[in-house]
Protein backbone atom coordinates (compact mmCIF):
# COMPACT_ATOMS: atom_id res chain seq x y z
CA MET A 1 38.50 -42.28 2.09
CA GLU A 2 37.87 -45.42 0.03
CA ASP A 3 41.58 -45.78 -0.68
CA PHE A 4 42.32 -45.30 3.04
CA GLU A 5 39.80 -48.00 3.98
CA ASP A 6 40.88 -50.44 1.29
CA ARG A 7 44.56 -50.28 2.22
CA LEU A 8 43.83 -50.78 5.92
CA LEU A 9 41.54 -53.72 5.18
CA ASP A 10 44.32 -55.23 3.05
CA LEU A 11 46.75 -54.88 5.93
CA ALA A 12 44.39 -56.47 8.48
CA LEU A 13 43.72 -59.46 6.21
CA GLU A 14 47.41 -59.84 5.39
CA ILE A 15 48.38 -60.27 9.05
CA GLY A 16 45.51 -62.62 9.89
CA GLY A 17 43.27 -59.99 11.47
CA ASP A 18 40.04 -58.49 10.17
CA GLY A 19 38.36 -55.17 9.54
CA ARG A 20 34.90 -53.67 9.03
CA ILE A 21 34.14 -50.67 6.83
CA TRP A 22 31.64 -48.25 8.41
CA ARG A 23 29.05 -45.81 7.05
CA SER A 24 26.33 -44.10 9.10
CA ALA A 25 24.54 -40.77 9.51
CA ALA A 26 21.96 -39.27 11.83
CA THR A 27 18.33 -39.59 10.77
CA GLY A 28 17.49 -36.69 8.48
CA LYS A 29 21.13 -35.54 8.37
CA PRO A 30 22.79 -37.42 5.49
CA GLU A 31 25.48 -34.74 5.36
CA ARG A 32 26.64 -35.82 8.84
CA LEU A 33 28.32 -38.93 7.44
CA VAL A 34 30.61 -40.97 9.68
CA ARG A 35 32.89 -43.25 7.71
CA GLY A 36 36.07 -45.25 8.02
CA ILE A 37 37.12 -48.67 9.24
CA TYR A 38 37.74 -50.47 12.52
CA LEU A 39 40.30 -53.24 12.92
CA ASP A 40 41.00 -56.29 15.07
CA ILE A 41 44.72 -56.83 14.60
CA ALA A 42 46.11 -58.68 17.62
CA PRO A 43 44.84 -61.04 20.34
CA GLY A 44 44.26 -59.17 23.62
CA GLN A 45 44.07 -55.74 21.99
CA GLU A 46 41.03 -53.50 21.87
CA THR A 47 39.43 -52.85 18.51
CA THR A 48 41.26 -50.00 16.75
CA SER A 49 38.83 -47.34 15.53
CA LEU A 50 39.84 -45.39 12.44
CA LEU A 51 36.46 -43.75 11.92
CA ILE A 52 36.28 -40.20 10.61
CA ALA A 53 33.73 -37.57 11.67
CA PRO A 54 32.39 -35.11 9.04
CA GLU A 55 34.89 -32.54 10.38
CA GLY A 56 37.75 -34.87 9.45
CA TRP A 57 38.49 -35.90 13.05
CA LEU A 58 39.32 -39.43 14.12
CA ILE A 59 36.72 -40.69 16.59
CA SER A 60 36.22 -43.77 18.76
CA LEU A 61 33.45 -46.32 18.33
CA MET A 62 31.72 -44.86 21.39
CA GLU A 63 31.50 -41.39 19.79
CA ILE A 64 29.67 -42.32 16.57
CA GLU A 65 26.29 -40.93 17.64
CA GLU A 66 27.82 -37.65 18.85
CA ALA A 67 29.74 -37.30 15.58
CA GLU A 68 26.54 -37.88 13.59
CA GLU A 69 24.74 -35.18 15.56
CA GLY A 70 27.68 -32.76 15.43
CA THR A 71 27.99 -32.34 19.19
CA ILE A 72 31.75 -33.03 19.45
CA GLY A 73 33.29 -29.63 20.00
CA GLU A 74 36.94 -30.35 19.22
CA PRO A 75 39.16 -33.14 17.88
CA PRO A 76 38.87 -35.99 20.42
CA TRP A 77 41.49 -38.47 21.58
CA CYS A 78 40.97 -42.13 20.65
CA PHE A 79 42.28 -44.82 22.99
CA VAL A 80 43.42 -48.39 22.34
CA LYS A 81 44.41 -50.55 25.29
CA THR A 82 47.42 -52.71 24.48
CA GLN A 83 48.67 -53.79 27.91
CA PHE A 84 47.15 -57.25 27.45
CA VAL A 85 48.66 -57.89 24.03
CA SER A 86 52.18 -59.00 23.11
CA VAL A 87 54.95 -56.42 22.77
CA GLU A 88 54.84 -57.07 19.04
CA GLY A 89 51.12 -56.26 18.93
CA HIS A 90 51.80 -52.88 20.53
CA ILE A 91 54.61 -52.19 18.08
CA PHE A 92 52.41 -53.20 15.15
CA LEU A 93 49.82 -50.62 16.20
CA VAL A 94 52.45 -47.89 16.57
CA GLU A 95 53.89 -48.63 13.13
CA LEU A 96 50.37 -48.65 11.69
CA LEU A 97 49.74 -45.17 13.10
CA ALA A 98 53.11 -44.00 11.78
CA ALA A 99 52.23 -45.24 8.29
CA ILE A 100 48.80 -43.56 8.45
CA LYS A 101 50.43 -40.28 9.52
CA LYS A 102 52.83 -40.48 6.57
CA GLU A 103 50.28 -41.47 3.93
CA PHE A 104 46.95 -39.99 5.00
CA ILE A 105 46.80 -37.84 8.18
CA PRO A 106 49.91 -35.66 8.45
CA ASP A 107 48.66 -33.80 11.57
CA LEU A 108 47.95 -37.00 13.51
CA GLU A 109 49.03 -36.77 17.16
CA VAL A 110 49.94 -39.92 19.08
CA HIS A 111 50.66 -40.38 22.77
CA ASP A 112 52.17 -43.77 23.63
CA GLU A 113 52.30 -44.71 27.31
CA GLY A 114 54.93 -47.29 26.39
CA ASP A 115 57.09 -44.49 24.90
CA TYR A 116 57.78 -46.54 21.76
CA TRP A 117 56.23 -43.91 19.45
CA GLU A 118 58.64 -41.28 20.75
CA THR A 119 61.77 -43.40 21.21
CA ARG A 120 61.49 -46.61 19.12
CA ASP A 121 63.24 -48.16 22.15
CA VAL A 122 62.26 -51.86 22.12
CA GLN A 123 64.03 -52.72 25.38
CA ARG A 124 62.31 -49.91 27.26
CA LEU A 125 58.94 -51.06 25.92
CA ARG A 126 59.63 -54.64 27.00
CA GLU A 127 60.45 -53.42 30.50
CA GLN A 128 57.16 -51.52 30.60
CA PHE A 129 55.25 -54.65 29.60
CA GLY A 130 57.20 -56.71 32.10
CA ARG A 131 55.68 -54.69 34.94
CA LEU A 132 52.14 -55.67 33.96
CA ASN A 133 52.05 -58.91 35.90
CA SER A 134 48.31 -59.36 35.47
CA ALA A 135 48.74 -59.65 31.71
CA ILE A 136 51.60 -62.17 31.55
CA ALA A 137 49.38 -65.20 30.92
CA GLY A 138 47.48 -63.47 28.15
CA MET A 139 50.67 -62.18 26.53
CA ARG A 140 52.10 -65.71 26.38
CA ASP A 141 49.39 -66.81 23.97
CA GLY A 142 49.85 -63.63 21.96
CA LEU A 143 53.54 -64.39 21.46
CA GLN A 144 52.71 -67.82 20.08
CA ASN A 145 50.15 -66.36 17.69
CA HIS A 146 52.66 -63.84 16.37
CA GLY A 147 55.42 -66.32 15.68
CA LEU A 148 57.78 -66.05 18.65
CA THR A 149 58.26 -68.71 21.28
CA ALA A 150 58.65 -67.56 24.89
CA GLU A 151 62.35 -68.48 24.72
CA ALA A 152 62.93 -66.55 21.50
CA ALA A 153 61.20 -63.53 23.01
CA GLU A 154 64.00 -63.29 25.57
CA ASP A 155 66.66 -62.85 22.88
CA PRO A 156 66.96 -59.12 22.05
CA ASP A 157 68.45 -59.79 18.61
CA ILE A 158 65.54 -62.03 17.60
CA VAL A 159 63.00 -59.52 18.90
CA VAL A 160 64.64 -56.61 17.05
CA ALA A 161 64.80 -58.57 13.79
CA ARG A 162 61.14 -59.52 14.10
CA ILE A 163 60.13 -55.93 14.86
CA GLN A 164 62.01 -54.67 11.82
CA ARG A 165 60.05 -57.10 9.65
CA ILE A 166 56.78 -55.94 11.22
CA ALA A 167 57.59 -52.28 10.51
CA GLU A 168 58.60 -53.04 6.92
CA GLN A 169 55.44 -55.08 6.34
CA VAL A 170 53.15 -52.38 7.69
CA HIS A 171 54.69 -49.50 5.77
CA LYS A 172 54.91 -51.51 2.54
CA LEU A 173 51.23 -52.52 2.63
CA ILE A 174 49.90 -49.09 3.61
CA ALA A 175 52.01 -47.33 0.96
CA ARG A 176 50.62 -49.32 -1.97
CA PRO A 177 47.17 -49.02 -3.60
CA SER A 178 44.71 -51.82 -2.92
CA GLU A 179 44.97 -53.52 -6.30
CA HIS A 180 44.82 -57.28 -6.69
CA ALA A 181 44.67 -59.60 -9.65
CA PRO A 182 41.66 -61.93 -9.42
CA VAL A 183 42.47 -65.29 -7.83
CA GLN A 184 42.26 -67.94 -10.56
CA PHE A 185 41.84 -71.66 -9.89
CA GLU A 186 43.21 -74.01 -12.52
CA ASP A 187 41.25 -76.89 -14.03
CA PRO A 188 42.26 -80.38 -12.82
CA PRO A 189 44.80 -82.28 -14.94
CA ASP A 190 43.35 -84.51 -17.67
CA GLY A 191 41.78 -87.68 -16.32
CA ILE A 192 41.42 -86.36 -12.73
CA GLU A 193 37.88 -85.50 -11.67
CA PHE A 194 38.79 -84.11 -8.26
CA GLY A 195 42.28 -83.14 -7.28
CA LEU A 196 43.81 -81.63 -4.14
CA PHE A 197 46.30 -79.61 -6.12
CA GLU A 198 45.66 -75.96 -5.19
CA PRO A 199 47.90 -74.70 -2.35
CA GLU A 200 46.36 -73.46 0.89
CA ALA A 201 47.84 -70.00 0.27
CA LYS A 202 45.65 -69.64 -2.81
CA TRP A 203 42.55 -70.45 -0.78
CA ASP A 204 43.65 -67.82 1.76
CA ALA A 205 44.02 -65.31 -1.08
CA SER A 206 40.57 -66.23 -2.39
CA HIS A 207 39.06 -65.73 1.08
CA ALA A 208 40.74 -62.31 1.37
CA GLU A 209 39.38 -61.42 -2.08
CA HIS A 210 35.86 -62.28 -0.98
CA ARG A 211 36.24 -60.34 2.30
CA ARG A 212 37.31 -57.27 0.33
CA LYS A 213 34.27 -57.64 -1.91
CA GLN A 214 31.98 -58.07 1.09
CA GLU A 215 33.20 -54.89 2.75
CA ARG A 216 33.14 -52.84 -0.44
CA MET A 217 29.64 -54.08 -1.22
CA HIS A 218 28.56 -53.17 2.32
CA ARG A 219 30.05 -49.69 1.85
CA SER A 220 28.20 -49.22 -1.45
CA MET A 221 24.87 -50.35 0.03
CA GLU A 222 25.14 -48.13 3.10
CA GLU A 223 25.99 -45.05 1.03
CA GLN A 224 23.04 -45.65 -1.30
CA MET A 225 20.55 -46.25 1.52
CA LEU A 226 21.74 -43.12 3.31
CA GLY A 227 20.95 -41.30 0.06
CA GLY A 228 17.38 -42.64 0.05
CA THR A 229 17.70 -45.78 -2.08
CA ASP A 230 15.63 -48.72 -0.82
CA HIS A 231 17.54 -51.77 0.43
CA ASN A 232 16.62 -54.06 -2.51
CA GLU A 233 17.91 -51.65 -5.13
CA ALA A 234 20.98 -50.90 -2.99
CA PHE A 235 21.71 -54.63 -2.72
CA GLU A 236 21.44 -55.13 -6.47
CA GLN A 237 23.66 -52.12 -7.17
CA GLY A 238 26.18 -53.34 -4.61
CA LEU A 239 26.42 -56.64 -6.49
CA ARG A 240 26.91 -54.82 -9.78
CA ASP A 241 29.60 -52.59 -8.26
CA GLN A 242 31.61 -55.69 -7.37
CA GLY A 243 31.02 -57.35 -10.73
CA ILE A 244 29.42 -60.37 -9.08
CA PHE A 245 26.60 -60.66 -11.65
CA ASN A 246 24.26 -58.46 -13.60
CA ILE A 247 20.73 -58.21 -12.25
CA PRO A 248 17.86 -57.95 -12.72
CA GLU A 249 18.07 -57.70 -16.52
CA ASP A 250 19.54 -61.17 -17.06
CA LEU A 251 16.92 -62.81 -14.84
CA VAL A 252 14.04 -60.97 -16.49
CA GLU A 253 15.42 -61.72 -19.94
CA ASP A 254 15.54 -65.45 -19.22
CA SER A 255 12.13 -65.60 -17.56
CA THR A 256 9.36 -67.41 -19.45
CA LEU A 257 6.61 -66.23 -17.08
CA ASP A 258 4.55 -63.35 -18.38
CA GLU A 259 4.00 -60.60 -15.85
CA SER A 260 0.22 -60.90 -16.34
CA ASP A 261 0.42 -64.48 -15.07
CA ARG A 262 1.84 -63.42 -11.70
CA LEU A 263 -0.63 -63.34 -8.80
CA PRO A 264 -0.15 -60.94 -5.88
CA TYR A 265 1.11 -62.85 -2.87
CA ASP A 266 -2.03 -62.32 -0.80
CA GLU A 267 -4.11 -63.92 -3.56
CA LEU A 268 -2.12 -67.15 -3.59
CA PRO A 269 -4.10 -70.10 -2.16
CA PHE A 270 -1.75 -70.68 0.80
CA ALA A 271 -0.85 -67.06 1.62
CA ASN A 272 -2.84 -66.81 4.85
CA ALA A 273 -2.89 -70.50 5.77
CA PRO A 274 -0.96 -72.17 8.61
CA ILE A 275 2.43 -73.46 7.52
CA GLU A 276 1.37 -77.13 7.44
CA ASP A 277 -1.58 -76.24 5.17
CA ALA A 278 0.75 -74.29 2.90
CA LEU A 279 3.04 -77.30 2.61
CA LEU A 280 0.04 -79.44 1.63
CA ALA A 281 -1.55 -76.93 -0.72
CA ASP A 282 -0.86 -79.04 -3.81
CA GLY A 283 -0.71 -82.40 -2.03
CA ASP A 284 -2.94 -85.06 -0.53
CA PRO A 285 -4.25 -83.91 2.88
CA ASP A 286 -4.35 -87.55 4.01
CA GLU A 287 -0.64 -88.21 3.43
CA PRO A 288 0.70 -90.09 6.50
CA TRP A 289 3.62 -87.75 7.19
CA ARG A 290 1.22 -84.95 8.09
CA GLU A 291 0.61 -86.57 11.48
CA SER A 292 4.21 -85.83 12.49
CA LEU A 293 3.88 -82.08 11.94
CA ASP A 294 2.01 -81.42 15.16
CA ASP A 295 4.50 -83.49 17.18
CA GLU A 296 7.46 -81.65 15.63
CA ALA A 297 5.82 -78.29 16.27
CA GLU A 298 5.38 -79.23 19.93
CA GLU A 299 9.05 -80.22 20.16
CA ASP A 300 10.08 -76.91 18.60
CA ASP A 301 7.96 -75.00 21.14
CA GLU A 302 9.44 -76.97 24.04
CA ASP A 303 13.09 -76.70 23.01
CA PRO A 304 14.09 -74.56 20.00
CA PHE A 305 17.72 -75.70 20.50
CA ARG A 306 16.90 -79.41 20.74
CA GLU A 307 19.56 -81.95 19.78
CA ARG A 308 20.40 -82.10 16.09
CA ASP A 309 23.19 -83.77 14.20
CA ARG A 310 25.88 -81.25 15.14
CA HIS A 311 29.62 -81.68 15.59
CA THR A 312 30.78 -81.59 19.22
CA VAL A 313 32.78 -78.40 18.67
CA GLN A 314 29.65 -76.75 17.23
CA GLU A 315 27.72 -77.80 20.32
CA ALA A 316 30.45 -76.30 22.48
CA SER A 317 30.39 -73.03 20.55
CA MET A 318 26.59 -72.82 20.93
CA ASP A 319 26.94 -73.46 24.66
CA LEU A 320 29.47 -70.61 24.78
CA MET A 321 27.17 -68.21 22.96
CA LEU A 322 24.22 -69.03 25.24
CA ARG A 323 26.42 -68.65 28.33
CA LEU A 324 27.63 -65.23 27.17
CA HIS A 325 24.03 -64.19 26.57
CA ASP A 326 23.19 -65.11 30.17
CA LEU A 327 26.22 -63.28 31.53
CA PHE A 328 25.77 -60.03 29.60
CA LYS A 329 22.04 -59.82 28.83
CA ASP A 330 21.62 -56.98 31.32
CA VAL A 331 24.47 -54.88 29.93
CA GLU A 332 23.04 -51.89 28.05
CA GLU A 333 23.92 -51.50 24.37
CA ASP A 334 25.91 -48.33 25.03
CA GLY A 335 28.03 -50.28 27.54
CA ARG A 336 29.03 -52.94 25.03
CA GLY A 337 32.25 -51.38 23.82
CA GLY A 338 35.92 -52.19 24.15
CA PHE A 339 36.89 -55.71 25.11
CA LEU A 340 33.30 -56.90 25.58
CA ASP A 341 32.49 -56.01 21.99
CA VAL A 342 35.58 -57.94 20.84
CA LEU A 343 34.45 -61.00 22.82
CA LEU A 344 30.88 -61.01 21.49
CA ARG A 345 31.83 -60.23 17.89
CA ASN A 346 34.43 -63.00 17.75
CA THR A 347 32.09 -65.51 19.34
CA ASP A 348 29.89 -64.84 16.30
CA GLU A 349 32.94 -65.49 14.11
CA ILE A 350 33.49 -68.86 15.79
CA MET A 351 29.87 -69.84 15.18
CA GLY A 352 29.83 -68.60 11.58
CA GLY A 353 33.12 -70.23 10.63
CA LEU A 354 32.16 -73.59 12.15
CA ALA A 355 28.68 -73.57 10.62
CA GLN A 356 30.10 -73.07 7.13
CA ALA A 357 33.05 -75.41 7.55
CA LEU A 358 31.41 -78.36 9.27
CA SER A 359 28.30 -78.38 7.11
CA SER A 360 30.61 -79.82 4.42
CA ARG A 361 32.26 -82.35 6.71
CA GLY A 362 32.24 -85.91 5.35
CA GLU A 363 33.16 -87.63 2.13
CA ASP A 364 32.76 -84.46 0.05
CA ALA A 365 35.69 -82.97 1.96
CA ASP A 366 37.98 -85.08 -0.25
CA ASP A 367 37.62 -82.69 -3.20
CA ASP A 368 39.64 -79.52 -3.58
CA ILE A 369 36.82 -76.99 -3.58
CA THR A 370 35.04 -78.32 -0.49
CA SER A 371 38.22 -78.88 1.51
CA GLY A 372 39.58 -75.48 0.49
CA LEU A 373 36.43 -73.74 1.69
CA MET A 374 36.57 -75.76 4.92
CA LEU A 375 40.14 -74.58 5.47
CA VAL A 376 39.39 -70.86 5.27
CA GLN A 377 36.26 -71.12 7.42
CA LEU A 378 38.02 -73.18 10.09
CA LYS A 379 40.81 -70.60 10.14
CA ARG A 380 38.16 -67.89 10.51
CA ALA A 381 36.73 -69.76 13.51
CA ARG A 382 40.19 -70.25 15.01
CA ARG A 383 40.99 -66.55 14.69
CA GLY A 384 37.69 -65.80 16.43
CA ALA A 385 38.58 -68.19 19.26
CA ALA A 386 42.05 -66.68 19.69
CA LEU A 387 40.71 -63.11 19.80
CA ALA A 388 37.82 -64.03 22.10
CA ARG A 389 39.95 -65.93 24.59
CA ALA A 390 42.62 -63.25 24.72
CA VAL A 391 40.18 -60.60 26.00
CA LEU A 392 38.96 -62.63 28.97
CA ILE A 393 41.82 -61.37 31.16
CA PRO A 394 41.14 -57.65 30.52
CA LEU A 395 37.41 -58.27 31.01
CA LYS A 396 38.22 -59.79 34.39
CA VAL A 397 40.53 -56.90 35.27
CA GLU A 398 37.81 -54.41 34.32
CA ASP A 399 35.21 -56.29 36.42
CA PHE A 400 33.06 -57.35 33.49
CA LEU A 401 33.84 -60.96 34.45
CA SER A 402 33.95 -62.47 37.92
CA GLU A 403 36.74 -64.86 38.82
CA ALA A 404 34.26 -67.74 38.63
CA ALA A 405 33.00 -66.69 35.17
CA TYR A 406 36.57 -66.33 33.91
CA ASN A 407 37.46 -69.80 35.20
CA GLU A 408 34.40 -71.16 33.40
CA LEU A 409 34.86 -69.38 30.03
CA ASP A 410 38.61 -69.76 29.57
CA PRO A 411 38.60 -73.59 29.39
CA MET A 412 35.42 -73.49 27.26
CA ILE A 413 37.08 -71.37 24.57
CA ALA A 414 40.36 -73.32 24.89
CA GLN A 415 38.44 -76.56 24.25
CA ILE A 416 36.71 -75.03 21.22
CA GLU A 417 40.04 -73.82 19.83
CA SER A 418 41.55 -77.29 20.30
CA GLY A 419 38.61 -78.82 18.44
CA ILE A 420 39.03 -76.35 15.58
CA ILE A 421 42.76 -77.12 15.35
CA GLU A 422 41.99 -80.85 15.23
CA GLU A 423 39.55 -80.31 12.38
CA LEU A 424 42.12 -78.19 10.54
CA ARG A 425 44.69 -80.95 10.98
CA GLU A 426 42.28 -83.53 9.58
CA VAL A 427 41.45 -81.44 6.50
CA ARG A 428 45.11 -80.72 5.82
CA THR A 429 45.98 -84.41 6.17
CA LYS A 430 43.36 -85.34 3.57
CA ARG A 431 44.74 -82.68 1.25
CA GLY A 432 48.29 -83.86 1.74
CA ASP A 433 49.30 -80.44 3.10
CA GLU A 434 52.01 -80.13 5.72
């Protein structure tokens, strides 16, 4: 299972998508372990679930609880809607399933409404997609994201050549073990304190390395906690499993504080005091800045999202998140699957990427480390924007979004994506990248 998950995560990261490794079990039933991975691999496509029930059956994200309880009576069908993605996105998914059947699940059954699985007939698939008039606008953006212009997409020879490369890429990545040499960054040349000399591709590789570690650490923690380990010990062991650092021995060894000198928290002088008294515990109670605390507390109570020094694209992304909360706050948790889950999850990715990238914006962005980290986080935010915007059309078709809501959200996300691209351009210009 771990090899299966690691190879699929590699593939998702390689093509600019993302994946999440999953572990869960019903309360009191650790033997009913659901595990696997789910992938976001193309704009406009539903999340692909490759989760495995204890019986060895593939299940959808909506069937996790039933699989944990053991109430699924027979191998279920999993569905992935691809009518709103590019033709290439559909083909990528089919080739992915073909590679999984060859390497891992020989009895896998696939039914493709586009008939590509059965025929490998690209022209027939294109004709099928051509009939889906409601998806044309969404597919246009997907084509751009996958490297084909609209004009090139009309040339059968170009399409076939591109599809052959997709198939080769998928099968090559799935067939190999997930083994990677650590990404090493070289020291600057003599006499140069900061240098923009590491290529962007190396920063991409470093980001992929960290994503792999994150998911493997998450897998380790979940497995331990399902076995009864408390979350602190599971966290420490997860770090050790990834070779991040050795704890707690090194910290204890370096500590100069004798255990007998440690007071329980509730015996500390500020433990039960208001926060402003805790801040002043070792200070002068008459210090003039104390007067501002009450005013700031009142402002926080009045408006927890009051104006701060944020970039305009961050403000726009926060407005988007709050708007989505208003639109979908009444949707029950068990109704938040499919395209809606893709929208909400990737809005989080926009916010997270921008928060990490733009917190370093300024003069420090002239050095290699800061600008490199800004690059990968801005690209994370852009991927989130592309995936979020692409699912607005299917959400409208499925009546999750009204026409008015769609017409409001689409330009909002387009504006955010434009702002992210502008920031990427600025960082690359400072680095001297093309």
